[in-house]
């Protein structure tokens, strides 16, 4: 990887595409459920409908952000200095790069997403004086090769990278999820990590209805998987302690109070075993990069 000034860098910064403001998006729904303000009337309407049917989604939205914060701190604390975040939350003021660079200012962070509003936020955010060691790839988890090809312009993929999939796998079917994880496991350097959280329906079976209720959501309707299926997705990786567990039990902060009842959000962090050859960007059939 050639030396360059690591400020804002987008592998595709065309933000002139049509913004589908009349279509709900999963990133904005999570923002609504978490009590944020970056959503549209269509997101609010659907978000309220889902929350009325399954009130747990609001606590799940907070749990996923808490896990994201804890796992970022844990990974950077272990010496990881390259992060690839697939699926961006709104707003971006308390995003992964803010947390990571508060621990190590030299951490490089690349975000990947296909949501047009996220793209607009990223363009404005990273073009501002906040720009540092961050970048954005316009590609989603369904096209993991395009993600890596774009990230390779900023991150050194011949060194360990931590991939964060905060509910990103929820929108993929089983074959697509396996394919995406296989690309990351085989293309990233030994010592890399894949951190993820995923919806389940162990306590609230109404969450199974999310796929139907959110059928028109971009980039796709979220689905649930049981912990046994999630464990199979971790094949080929070494799960770090405490393993695959409910969100609130993954390395809780000191003094954190136990959550009454169950939480239908499970988390895990897998370490990629090696060795593997030098990373070489490969063609991606659905990408114009």
C-alpha atoms as a PDB file:
ATOM      1  CA  UNK A   1       0.000   0.000   0.000  1.00  0.00           C
ATOM      2  CA  UNK A   2       1.464   3.343  -1.034  1.00  0.00           C
ATOM      3  CA  UNK A   3       2.008   6.161   1.412  1.00  0.00           C
ATOM      4  CA  UNK A   4      -0.668   8.834   1.355  1.00  0.00           C
ATOM      5  CA  UNK A   5      -2.288  11.449   3.547  1.00  0.00           C
ATOM      6  CA  UNK A   6      -5.023   9.622   5.370  1.00  0.00           C
ATOM      7  CA  UNK A   7      -7.784  12.155   5.544  1.00  0.00           C
ATOM      8  CA  UNK A   8     -11.226  11.818   3.997  1.00  0.00           C
ATOM      9  CA  UNK A   9     -11.055   9.231   1.259  1.00  0.00           C
ATOM     10  CA  UNK A  10     -14.060   7.803  -0.536  1.00  0.00           C
ATOM     11  CA  UNK A  11     -13.630   5.109  -3.136  1.00  0.00           C
ATOM     12  CA  UNK A  12     -16.837   6.342  -4.714  1.00  0.00           C
ATOM     13  CA  UNK A  13     -18.019   9.784  -3.717  1.00  0.00           C
ATOM     14  CA  UNK A  14     -20.848  10.177  -6.218  1.00  0.00           C
ATOM     15  CA  UNK A  15     -23.655  11.457  -4.010  1.00  0.00           C
ATOM     16  CA  UNK A  16     -25.802  12.588  -6.901  1.00  0.00           C
ATOM     17  CA  UNK A  17     -27.894   9.425  -6.998  1.00  0.00           C
ATOM     18  CA  UNK A  18     -31.579   9.434  -6.147  1.00  0.00           C
ATOM     19  CA  UNK A  19     -32.214   9.534  -2.417  1.00  0.00           C
ATOM     20  CA  UNK A  20     -35.165   7.288  -1.621  1.00  0.00           C
ATOM     21  CA  UNK A  21     -36.695   9.378   1.145  1.00  0.00           C
ATOM     22  CA  UNK A  22     -40.021   7.598   0.751  1.00  0.00           C
ATOM     23  CA  UNK A  23     -38.503   4.205   1.543  1.00  0.00           C
ATOM     24  CA  UNK A  24     -37.588   3.199   5.113  1.00  0.00           C
ATOM     25  CA  UNK A  25     -33.939   2.309   5.724  1.00  0.00           C
ATOM     26  CA  UNK A  26     -32.581   0.057   8.430  1.00  0.00           C
ATOM     27  CA  UNK A  27     -29.915   2.559   9.542  1.00  0.00           C
ATOM     28  CA  UNK A  28     -32.564   5.211  10.133  1.00  0.00           C
ATOM     29  CA  UNK A  29     -34.889   2.742  11.852  1.00  0.00           C
ATOM     30  CA  UNK A  30     -32.159   1.851  14.335  1.00  0.00           C
ATOM     31  CA  UNK A  31     -31.622   5.576  14.898  1.00  0.00           C
ATOM     32  CA  UNK A  32     -35.332   6.029  15.596  1.00  0.00           C
ATOM     33  CA  UNK A  33     -35.524   3.075  17.982  1.00  0.00           C
ATOM     34  CA  UNK A  34     -32.429   4.308  19.834  1.00  0.00           C
ATOM     35  CA  UNK A  35     -34.041   7.700  20.425  1.00  0.00           C
ATOM     36  CA  UNK A  36     -32.073   9.554  17.772  1.00  0.00           C
ATOM     37  CA  UNK A  37     -33.312  12.102  15.284  1.00  0.00           C
ATOM     38  CA  UNK A  38     -31.808  11.076  11.936  1.00  0.00           C
ATOM     39  CA  UNK A  39     -34.875   9.519  10.351  1.00  0.00           C
ATOM     40  CA  UNK A  40     -37.719  10.391   8.007  1.00  0.00           C
ATOM     41  CA  UNK A  41     -41.506  10.317   8.479  1.00  0.00           C
ATOM     42  CA  UNK A  42     -41.646   6.937   6.725  1.00  0.00           C
ATOM     43  CA  UNK A  43     -39.035   5.584   9.135  1.00  0.00           C
ATOM     44  CA  UNK A  44     -40.968   6.906  12.118  1.00  0.00           C
ATOM     45  CA  UNK A  45     -44.231   5.398  10.880  1.00  0.00           C
ATOM     46  CA  UNK A  46     -42.715   1.959  10.422  1.00  0.00           C
ATOM     47  CA  UNK A  47     -40.594   2.253  13.556  1.00  0.00           C
ATOM     48  CA  UNK A  48     -43.630   3.022  15.690  1.00  0.00           C
ATOM     49  CA  UNK A  49     -45.539   0.126  14.145  1.00  0.00           C
ATOM     50  CA  UNK A  50     -42.732  -2.325  14.876  1.00  0.00           C
ATOM     51  CA  UNK A  51     -42.185  -0.998  18.410  1.00  0.00           C
ATOM     52  CA  UNK A  52     -45.888  -1.323  19.165  1.00  0.00           C
ATOM     53  CA  UNK A  53     -45.742  -4.950  18.115  1.00  0.00           C
ATOM     54  CA  UNK A  54     -42.390  -5.711  19.753  1.00  0.00           C
ATOM     55  CA  UNK A  55     -41.361  -3.050  22.316  1.00  0.00           C
ATOM     56  CA  UNK A  56     -38.024  -4.808  22.862  1.00  0.00           C
ATOM     57  CA  UNK A  57     -36.618  -3.255  19.669  1.00  0.00           C
ATOM     58  CA  UNK A  58     -36.004   0.022  21.505  1.00  0.00           C
ATOM     59  CA  UNK A  59     -33.824  -1.632  24.144  1.00  0.00           C
ATOM     60  CA  UNK A  60     -32.134  -3.726  21.450  1.00  0.00           C
ATOM     61  CA  UNK A  61     -31.202  -0.513  19.639  1.00  0.00           C
ATOM     62  CA  UNK A  62     -29.474   0.742  22.766  1.00  0.00           C
ATOM     63  CA  UNK A  63     -27.801  -2.610  23.443  1.00  0.00           C
ATOM     64  CA  UNK A  64     -26.308  -2.753  19.952  1.00  0.00           C
ATOM     65  CA  UNK A  65     -24.762   0.705  20.357  1.00  0.00           C
ATOM     66  CA  UNK A  66     -23.416  -0.243  23.780  1.00  0.00           C
ATOM     67  CA  UNK A  67     -21.866  -3.410  22.350  1.00  0.00           C
ATOM     68  CA  UNK A  68     -20.371  -1.431  19.480  1.00  0.00           C
ATOM     69  CA  UNK A  69     -18.723   0.900  21.977  1.00  0.00           C
ATOM     70  CA  UNK A  70     -17.417  -1.894  24.209  1.00  0.00           C
ATOM     71  CA  UNK A  71     -16.092  -4.041  21.393  1.00  0.00           C
ATOM     72  CA  UNK A  72     -14.358  -1.069  19.777  1.00  0.00           C
ATOM     73  CA  UNK A  73     -12.652  -0.220  23.053  1.00  0.00           C
ATOM     74  CA  UNK A  74     -11.698  -3.850  23.598  1.00  0.00           C
ATOM     75  CA  UNK A  75     -10.197  -4.304  20.131  1.00  0.00           C
ATOM     76  CA  UNK A  76      -8.257  -1.048  20.131  1.00  0.00           C
ATOM     77  CA  UNK A  77      -7.144  -1.787  23.678  1.00  0.00           C
ATOM     78  CA  UNK A  78      -5.680  -5.059  22.378  1.00  0.00           C
ATOM     79  CA  UNK A  79      -3.615  -3.152  19.834  1.00  0.00           C
ATOM     80  CA  UNK A  80      -5.849  -3.283  16.753  1.00  0.00           C
ATOM     81  CA  UNK A  81      -5.258  -0.086  14.786  1.00  0.00           C
ATOM     82  CA  UNK A  82      -7.346  -0.770  11.671  1.00  0.00           C
ATOM     83  CA  UNK A  83     -11.134  -1.038  11.740  1.00  0.00           C
ATOM     84  CA  UNK A  84     -13.580  -1.795   8.931  1.00  0.00           C
ATOM     85  CA  UNK A  85     -17.167  -0.937   9.864  1.00  0.00           C
ATOM     86  CA  UNK A  86     -19.777  -2.396   7.525  1.00  0.00           C
ATOM     87  CA  UNK A  87     -23.120  -0.705   8.095  1.00  0.00           C
ATOM     88  CA  UNK A  88     -23.056   2.845   9.441  1.00  0.00           C
ATOM     89  CA  UNK A  89     -25.197   4.210  12.245  1.00  0.00           C
ATOM     90  CA  UNK A  90     -26.651   7.707  12.395  1.00  0.00           C
ATOM     91  CA  UNK A  91     -25.684  10.194  13.651  1.00  0.00           C
ATOM     92  CA  UNK A  92     -21.934   9.811  13.123  1.00  0.00           C
ATOM     93  CA  UNK A  93     -20.834  11.998  16.036  1.00  0.00           C
ATOM     94  CA  UNK A  94     -20.437   8.997  18.358  1.00  0.00           C
ATOM     95  CA  UNK A  95     -19.354   6.535  15.709  1.00  0.00           C
ATOM     96  CA  UNK A  96     -16.564   3.973  15.873  1.00  0.00           C
ATOM     97  CA  UNK A  97     -13.778   6.346  14.809  1.00  0.00           C
ATOM     98  CA  UNK A  98     -14.613   8.718  17.682  1.00  0.00           C
ATOM     99  CA  UNK A  99     -14.397   5.914  20.226  1.00  0.00           C
ATOM    100  CA  UNK A 100     -11.316   4.287  18.692  1.00  0.00           C
ATOM    101  CA  UNK A 101      -9.314   7.471  18.217  1.00  0.00           C
ATOM    102  CA  UNK A 102      -9.998   8.553  21.788  1.00  0.00           C
ATOM    103  CA  UNK A 103      -7.817   5.575  22.735  1.00  0.00           C
ATOM    104  CA  UNK A 104      -5.338   5.644  19.851  1.00  0.00           C
ATOM    105  CA  UNK A 105      -5.413   8.747  17.614  1.00  0.00           C
ATOM    106  CA  UNK A 106      -3.604   6.828  14.862  1.00  0.00           C
ATOM    107  CA  UNK A 107      -6.335   4.233  14.372  1.00  0.00           C
ATOM    108  CA  UNK A 108      -7.564   4.067  10.783  1.00  0.00           C
ATOM    109  CA  UNK A 109     -11.277   3.485  10.244  1.00  0.00           C
ATOM    110  CA  UNK A 110     -13.109   2.710   7.022  1.00  0.00           C
ATOM    111  CA  UNK A 111     -16.896   2.685   6.827  1.00  0.00           C
ATOM    112  CA  UNK A 112     -18.868   0.813   4.182  1.00  0.00           C
ATOM    113  CA  UNK A 113     -22.537   1.321   3.379  1.00  0.00           C
ATOM    114  CA  UNK A 114     -24.924   1.693   0.453  1.00  0.00           C
ATOM    115  CA  UNK A 115     -27.528   3.950   2.085  1.00  0.00           C
ATOM    116  CA  UNK A 116     -27.731   7.278   0.257  1.00  0.00           C
ATOM    117  CA  UNK A 117     -28.431   9.341   3.400  1.00  0.00           C
ATOM    118  CA  UNK A 118     -25.462   7.724   5.126  1.00  0.00           C
ATOM    119  CA  UNK A 119     -23.394   8.631   2.072  1.00  0.00           C
ATOM    120  CA  UNK A 120     -24.466  12.261   2.334  1.00  0.00           C
ATOM    121  CA  UNK A 121     -23.662  12.323   6.061  1.00  0.00           C
ATOM    122  CA  UNK A 122     -20.256  10.761   5.451  1.00  0.00           C
ATOM    123  CA  UNK A 123     -19.420  13.188   2.667  1.00  0.00           C
ATOM    124  CA  UNK A 124     -20.228  16.165   4.883  1.00  0.00           C
ATOM    125  CA  UNK A 125     -18.725  14.692   8.036  1.00  0.00           C
ATOM    126  CA  UNK A 126     -15.373  13.507   6.759  1.00  0.00           C
ATOM    127  CA  UNK A 127     -14.906  16.504   4.474  1.00  0.00           C
ATOM    128  CA  UNK A 128     -15.044  18.756   7.531  1.00  0.00           C
ATOM    129  CA  UNK A 129     -12.324  19.558  10.013  1.00  0.00           C
ATOM    130  CA  UNK A 130     -13.080  16.218  11.675  1.00  0.00           C
ATOM    131  CA  UNK A 131     -11.344  14.474   8.793  1.00  0.00           C
ATOM    132  CA  UNK A 132      -8.434  12.364   9.928  1.00  0.00           C
ATOM    133  CA  UNK A 133      -7.654   8.725   9.413  1.00  0.00           C
ATOM    134  CA  UNK A 134     -11.109   7.804   8.106  1.00  0.00           C
ATOM    135  CA  UNK A 135     -12.712   6.868   4.820  1.00  0.00           C
ATOM    136  CA  UNK A 136     -15.877   5.554   3.233  1.00  0.00           C
ATOM    137  CA  UNK A 137     -16.611   2.784   0.743  1.00  0.00           C
ATOM    138  CA  UNK A 138     -19.899   2.761  -1.098  1.00  0.00           C
ATOM    139  CA  UNK A 139     -20.573  -0.970  -0.871  1.00  0.00           C
ATOM    140  CA  UNK A 140     -22.445  -3.245   1.482  1.00  0.00           C
ATOM    141  CA  UNK A 141     -21.888  -6.521   3.263  1.00  0.00           C
ATOM    142  CA  UNK A 142     -23.569  -8.380   0.398  1.00  0.00           C
ATOM    143  CA  UNK A 143     -20.596  -7.428  -1.785  1.00  0.00           C
ATOM    144  CA  UNK A 144     -17.764  -8.130   0.611  1.00  0.00           C
ATOM    145  CA  UNK A 145     -15.147  -8.194  -2.147  1.00  0.00           C
ATOM    146  CA  UNK A 146     -16.076  -4.661  -3.200  1.00  0.00           C
ATOM    147  CA  UNK A 147     -15.808  -3.619   0.444  1.00  0.00           C
ATOM    148  CA  UNK A 148     -12.297  -5.047   0.734  1.00  0.00           C
ATOM    149  CA  UNK A 149     -11.202  -3.646  -2.619  1.00  0.00           C
ATOM    150  CA  UNK A 150     -12.245  -0.172  -1.514  1.00  0.00           C
ATOM    151  CA  UNK A 151     -10.875  -0.530   2.002  1.00  0.00           C
ATOM    152  CA  UNK A 152      -7.502  -1.609   0.589  1.00  0.00           C
ATOM    153  CA  UNK A 153      -6.963   1.946  -0.639  1.00  0.00           C
ATOM    154  CA  UNK A 154      -6.836   3.112   2.980  1.00  0.00           C
ATOM    155  CA  UNK A 155      -6.153   0.102   5.193  1.00  0.00           C
ATOM    156  CA  UNK A 156      -3.178  -2.218   4.928  1.00  0.00           C
ATOM    157  CA  UNK A 157      -4.981  -5.529   4.498  1.00  0.00           C
ATOM    158  CA  UNK A 158      -1.720  -7.414   4.902  1.00  0.00           C
ATOM    159  CA  UNK A 159      -1.912  -6.461   8.576  1.00  0.00           C
ATOM    160  CA  UNK A 160      -4.676  -7.387  11.050  1.00  0.00           C
ATOM    161  CA  UNK A 161      -7.999  -5.610  10.635  1.00  0.00           C
ATOM    162  CA  UNK A 162     -11.087  -5.756  12.837  1.00  0.00           C
ATOM    163  CA  UNK A 163     -14.345  -5.999  10.878  1.00  0.00           C
ATOM    164  CA  UNK A 164     -17.432  -4.743  12.718  1.00  0.00           C
ATOM    165  CA  UNK A 165     -20.789  -6.121  11.586  1.00  0.00           C
ATOM    166  CA  UNK A 166     -23.308  -4.431  13.854  1.00  0.00           C
ATOM    167  CA  UNK A 167     -26.516  -6.169  12.740  1.00  0.00           C
ATOM    168  CA  UNK A 168     -25.193  -6.180   9.177  1.00  0.00           C
ATOM    169  CA  UNK A 169     -25.651  -9.938   8.767  1.00  0.00           C
ATOM    170  CA  UNK A 170     -29.320  -9.651   9.761  1.00  0.00           C
ATOM    171  CA  UNK A 171     -30.282  -8.511   6.252  1.00  0.00           C
ATOM    172  CA  UNK A 172     -28.589 -11.447   4.490  1.00  0.00           C
ATOM    173  CA  UNK A 173     -29.928 -14.914   3.842  1.00  0.00           C
ATOM    174  CA  UNK A 174     -27.871 -17.855   5.052  1.00  0.00           C
ATOM    175  CA  UNK A 175     -25.960 -18.444   1.773  1.00  0.00           C
ATOM    176  CA  UNK A 176     -25.114 -14.746   1.455  1.00  0.00           C
ATOM    177  CA  UNK A 177     -24.008 -14.486   5.096  1.00  0.00           C
ATOM    178  CA  UNK A 178     -21.766 -17.540   4.750  1.00  0.00           C
ATOM    179  CA  UNK A 179     -20.314 -16.186   1.507  1.00  0.00           C
ATOM    180  CA  UNK A 180     -19.551 -12.775   3.021  1.00  0.00           C
ATOM    181  CA  UNK A 181     -17.885 -14.240   6.099  1.00  0.00           C
ATOM    182  CA  UNK A 182     -15.895 -16.661   3.959  1.00  0.00           C
ATOM    183  CA  UNK A 183     -14.439 -13.765   1.975  1.00  0.00           C
ATOM    184  CA  UNK A 184     -13.382 -11.972   5.153  1.00  0.00           C
ATOM    185  CA  UNK A 185     -11.902 -15.113   6.715  1.00  0.00           C
ATOM    186  CA  UNK A 186      -9.896 -16.027   3.631  1.00  0.00           C
ATOM    187  CA  UNK A 187      -8.818 -12.570   2.457  1.00  0.00           C
ATOM    188  CA  UNK A 188      -7.893 -10.841   5.713  1.00  0.00           C
ATOM    189  CA  UNK A 189      -4.585 -11.309   7.491  1.00  0.00           C
ATOM    190  CA  UNK A 190      -4.140 -13.787  10.302  1.00  0.00           C
ATOM    191  CA  UNK A 191      -4.866 -12.104  13.613  1.00  0.00           C
ATOM    192  CA  UNK A 192      -7.759 -10.120  12.157  1.00  0.00           C
ATOM    193  CA  UNK A 193     -11.116 -10.105  13.937  1.00  0.00           C
ATOM    194  CA  UNK A 194     -14.763 -10.264  12.934  1.00  0.00           C
ATOM    195  CA  UNK A 195     -17.070  -8.756  15.548  1.00  0.00           C
ATOM    196  CA  UNK A 196     -20.809  -8.992  15.109  1.00  0.00           C
ATOM    197  CA  UNK A 197     -24.145  -8.713  16.825  1.00  0.00           C
ATOM    198  CA  UNK A 198     -27.335 -10.275  15.508  1.00  0.00           C
ATOM    199  CA  UNK A 199     -31.039 -10.358  16.283  1.00  0.00           C
ATOM    200  CA  UNK A 200     -32.503 -13.519  17.769  1.00  0.00           C
ATOM    201  CA  UNK A 201     -36.006 -14.347  18.962  1.00  0.00           C
ATOM    202  CA  UNK A 202     -35.253 -16.504  21.975  1.00  0.00           C
ATOM    203  CA  UNK A 203     -37.428 -14.447  24.326  1.00  0.00           C
ATOM    204  CA  UNK A 204     -39.771 -12.480  22.087  1.00  0.00           C
ATOM    205  CA  UNK A 205     -41.014 -14.642  19.241  1.00  0.00           C
ATOM    206  CA  UNK A 206     -42.721 -11.608  17.730  1.00  0.00           C
ATOM    207  CA  UNK A 207     -39.320 -10.526  16.430  1.00  0.00           C
ATOM    208  CA  UNK A 208     -39.664 -13.287  13.840  1.00  0.00           C
ATOM    209  CA  UNK A 209     -42.237 -11.014  12.189  1.00  0.00           C
ATOM    210  CA  UNK A 210     -39.633  -8.299  11.539  1.00  0.00           C
ATOM    211  CA  UNK A 211     -38.847  -9.647   8.098  1.00  0.00           C
ATOM    212  CA  UNK A 212     -42.480  -9.337   7.053  1.00  0.00           C
ATOM    213  CA  UNK A 213     -43.092  -5.985   8.736  1.00  0.00           C
ATOM    214  CA  UNK A 214     -39.919  -4.508   7.243  1.00  0.00           C
ATOM    215  CA  UNK A 215     -40.214  -6.142   3.826  1.00  0.00           C
ATOM    216  CA  UNK A 216     -39.611  -2.871   1.951  1.00  0.00           C
ATOM    217  CA  UNK A 217     -36.714  -1.641   4.084  1.00  0.00           C
ATOM    218  CA  UNK A 218     -33.392  -0.837   2.415  1.00  0.00           C
ATOM    219  CA  UNK A 219     -31.020  -2.608   1.977  1.00  0.00           C
ATOM    220  CA  UNK A 220     -33.252  -5.532   2.965  1.00  0.00           C
ATOM    221  CA  UNK A 221     -35.528  -6.770   5.737  1.00  0.00           C
ATOM    222  CA  UNK A 222     -33.777  -7.814   8.957  1.00  0.00           C
ATOM    223  CA  UNK A 223     -34.160 -11.408  10.005  1.00  0.00           C
ATOM    224  CA  UNK A 224     -33.490 -13.358  13.184  1.00  0.00           C
ATOM    225  CA  UNK A 225     -31.248 -16.375  13.692  1.00  0.00           C
ATOM    226  CA  UNK A 226     -31.034 -18.627  16.711  1.00  0.00           C
ATOM    227  CA  UNK A 227     -27.747 -18.910  18.631  1.00  0.00           C
ATOM    228  CA  UNK A 228     -27.038 -22.361  17.188  1.00  0.00           C
ATOM    229  CA  UNK A 229     -27.113 -20.988  13.649  1.00  0.00           C
ATOM    230  CA  UNK A 230     -24.979 -18.021  14.684  1.00  0.00           C
ATOM    231  CA  UNK A 231     -22.416 -20.446  16.077  1.00  0.00           C
ATOM    232  CA  UNK A 232     -22.171 -22.189  12.711  1.00  0.00           C
ATOM    233  CA  UNK A 233     -21.430 -18.823  11.095  1.00  0.00           C
ATOM    234  CA  UNK A 234     -18.364 -18.608  13.336  1.00  0.00           C
ATOM    235  CA  UNK A 235     -16.820 -21.721  11.777  1.00  0.00           C
ATOM    236  CA  UNK A 236     -13.178 -21.208  10.914  1.00  0.00           C
ATOM    237  CA  UNK A 237     -12.660 -18.564  13.587  1.00  0.00           C
ATOM    238  CA  UNK A 238     -11.566 -18.722  17.200  1.00  0.00           C
ATOM    239  CA  UNK A 239     -14.185 -17.060  19.392  1.00  0.00           C
ATOM    240  CA  UNK A 240     -12.587 -14.823  21.997  1.00  0.00           C
ATOM    241  CA  UNK A 241     -13.923 -14.710  25.541  1.00  0.00           C
ATOM    242  CA  UNK A 242     -16.711 -14.726  26.556  1.00  0.00           C
ATOM    243  CA  UNK A 243     -17.749 -16.395  23.294  1.00  0.00           C
ATOM    244  CA  UNK A 244     -21.144 -16.081  21.641  1.00  0.00           C
ATOM    245  CA  UNK A 245     -23.406 -14.541  24.268  1.00  0.00           C
ATOM    246  CA  UNK A 246     -26.332 -12.140  24.758  1.00  0.00           C
ATOM    247  CA  UNK A 247     -25.266  -8.540  24.233  1.00  0.00           C
ATOM    248  CA  UNK A 248     -25.426  -7.416  27.837  1.00  0.00           C
ATOM    249  CA  UNK A 249     -23.029 -10.171  28.945  1.00  0.00           C
ATOM    250  CA  UNK A 250     -20.285  -9.462  26.407  1.00  0.00           C
ATOM    251  CA  UNK A 251     -17.600  -7.839  28.584  1.00  0.00           C
ATOM    252  CA  UNK A 252     -19.969  -5.501  30.437  1.00  0.00           C
ATOM    253  CA  UNK A 253     -18.585  -2.252  31.774  1.00  0.00           C
ATOM    254  CA  UNK A 254     -17.680  -2.205  35.488  1.00  0.00           C
ATOM    255  CA  UNK A 255     -20.739  -1.467  37.564  1.00  0.00           C
ATOM    256  CA  UNK A 256     -23.132  -2.239  34.726  1.00  0.00           C
ATOM    257  CA  UNK A 257     -26.414  -3.459  36.155  1.00  0.00           C
ATOM    258  CA  UNK A 258     -27.816  -6.815  35.042  1.00  0.00           C
ATOM    259  CA  UNK A 259     -30.621  -6.537  32.511  1.00  0.00           C
ATOM    260  CA  UNK A 260     -33.885  -8.029  33.776  1.00  0.00           C
ATOM    261  CA  UNK A 261     -35.269 -10.633  31.418  1.00  0.00           C
ATOM    262  CA  UNK A 262     -33.729 -11.765  28.170  1.00  0.00           C
ATOM    263  CA  UNK A 263     -32.177  -9.722  25.388  1.00  0.00           C
ATOM    264  CA  UNK A 264     -32.689 -10.933  21.833  1.00  0.00           C
ATOM    265  CA  UNK A 265     -29.363  -9.631  20.591  1.00  0.00           C
ATOM    266  CA  UNK A 266     -26.393 -11.980  20.574  1.00  0.00           C
ATOM    267  CA  UNK A 267     -22.779 -10.967  20.050  1.00  0.00           C
ATOM    268  CA  UNK A 268     -19.458 -12.549  19.333  1.00  0.00           C
ATOM    269  CA  UNK A 269     -15.915 -11.771  18.247  1.00  0.00           C
ATOM    270  CA  UNK A 270     -13.955 -14.272  16.191  1.00  0.00           C
ATOM    271  CA  UNK A 271     -10.225 -14.202  15.519  1.00  0.00           C
ATOM    272  CA  UNK A 272      -9.112 -15.240  12.050  1.00  0.00           C
ATOM    273  CA  UNK A 273      -6.525 -17.967  11.892  1.00  0.00           C
ATOM    274  CA  UNK A 274      -3.816 -17.897   9.241  1.00  0.00           C
ATOM    275  CA  UNK A 275      -1.613 -17.859   7.414  1.00  0.00           C
ATOM    276  CA  UNK A 276      -2.757 -16.566   4.063  1.00  0.00           C
ATOM    277  CA  UNK A 277      -1.084 -15.008   1.053  1.00  0.00           C
ATOM    278  CA  UNK A 278      -0.678 -11.301   0.338  1.00  0.00           C
ATOM    279  CA  UNK A 279      -3.986  -9.522  -0.270  1.00  0.00           C
ATOM    280  CA  UNK A 280      -4.636  -8.861  -3.955  1.00  0.00           C
ATOM    281  CA  UNK A 281      -7.765  -6.857  -4.887  1.00  0.00           C
ATOM    282  CA  UNK A 282     -10.098  -9.012  -6.945  1.00  0.00           C
ATOM    283  CA  UNK A 283     -12.912  -8.168  -9.366  1.00  0.00           C
ATOM    284  CA  UNK A 284     -16.355  -7.713  -7.861  1.00  0.00           C
ATOM    285  CA  UNK A 285     -19.178  -8.517 -10.281  1.00  0.00           C
ATOM    286  CA  UNK A 286     -21.626  -6.045  -8.734  1.00  0.00           C
ATOM    287  CA  UNK A 287     -19.200  -3.201  -8.165  1.00  0.00           C
ATOM    288  CA  UNK A 288     -18.068  -0.425 -10.447  1.00  0.00           C
ATOM    289  CA  UNK A 289     -14.958   0.244  -8.384  1.00  0.00           C
END
